[in-house]
Amino acid sequence: MSDGLQEADDAATVEELLGLLVSILASVRRLPRAPERDAALRQIREFQTRVGVVLLERFYDKE
């Protein structure tokens, strides 16, 4: 696969992943305040951080 096609596939995957994260976050925010909700929000934040690191490594460390 050419680099252009791979980058387009990567971008589509990232877009899908970010959409899923937004959907999950919106669902969790609708839950009543409770320790479980707070734990879920922490887990989502940690996952978003890890995804950010992967994206930075994948898209910006190509030099």
Protein backbone atom coordinates (compact mmCIF):
# COMPACT_ATOMS: atom_id res chain seq x y z
CA MET A 1 0.00 0.00 0.00
CA SER A 2 1.36 3.44 -0.83
CA ASP A 3 2.13 5.92 1.91
CA GLY A 4 -0.75 8.14 0.84
CA LEU A 5 -3.29 5.35 1.11
CA GLN A 6 -1.84 4.20 4.43
CA GLU A 7 -2.06 7.74 5.81
CA ALA A 8 -5.68 8.01 4.63
CA ASP A 9 -6.50 4.69 6.34
CA ASP A 10 -4.71 5.87 9.49
CA ALA A 11 -6.62 9.14 9.46
CA ALA A 12 -9.95 7.33 9.06
CA THR A 13 -9.06 4.99 11.92
CA VAL A 14 -8.08 7.90 14.15
CA GLU A 15 -11.29 9.73 13.28
CA GLU A 16 -13.34 6.64 14.13
CA LEU A 17 -11.46 6.15 17.40
CA LEU A 18 -11.94 9.77 18.43
CA GLY A 19 -15.64 9.55 17.63
CA LEU A 20 -15.92 6.47 19.81
CA LEU A 21 -14.09 8.19 22.67
CA VAL A 22 -16.42 11.20 22.45
CA SER A 23 -19.44 8.91 22.51
CA ILE A 24 -18.16 6.99 25.55
CA LEU A 25 -17.31 10.21 27.37
CA ALA A 26 -20.78 11.64 26.69
CA SER A 27 -22.40 8.46 28.01
CA VAL A 28 -20.33 8.47 31.19
CA ARG A 29 -21.07 12.14 31.84
CA ARG A 30 -24.80 11.35 31.84
CA LEU A 31 -24.31 8.97 34.78
CA PRO A 32 -25.13 10.28 38.25
CA ARG A 33 -22.17 11.45 40.31
CA ALA A 34 -20.71 8.44 42.05
CA PRO A 35 -17.32 6.84 42.62
CA GLU A 36 -17.91 4.57 39.61
CA ARG A 37 -18.49 7.56 37.33
CA ASP A 38 -15.36 9.27 38.61
CA ALA A 39 -13.35 6.08 38.07
CA ALA A 40 -14.69 5.74 34.52
CA LEU A 41 -13.76 9.36 33.75
CA ARG A 42 -10.24 8.76 35.07
CA GLN A 43 -9.89 5.65 32.92
CA ILE A 44 -11.10 7.56 29.85
CA ARG A 45 -8.62 10.37 30.55
CA GLU A 46 -5.76 7.87 30.90
CA PHE A 47 -6.79 6.16 27.67
CA GLN A 48 -6.98 9.48 25.83
CA THR A 49 -3.48 10.29 27.04
CA ARG A 50 -2.15 6.96 25.78
CA VAL A 51 -3.89 7.44 22.43
CA GLY A 52 -2.33 10.90 22.18
CA VAL A 53 1.13 9.47 22.75
CA VAL A 54 0.59 6.81 20.09
CA LEU A 55 -0.63 9.43 17.61
CA LEU A 56 2.31 11.69 18.29
CA GLU A 57 4.73 8.84 17.79
CA ARG A 58 2.95 7.62 14.65
CA PHE A 59 2.41 10.92 12.86
CA TYR A 60 5.19 13.22 14.09
CA ASP A 61 8.21 10.98 14.56
CA LYS A 62 8.57 10.15 10.87
CA GLU A 63 11.75 12.17 10.40
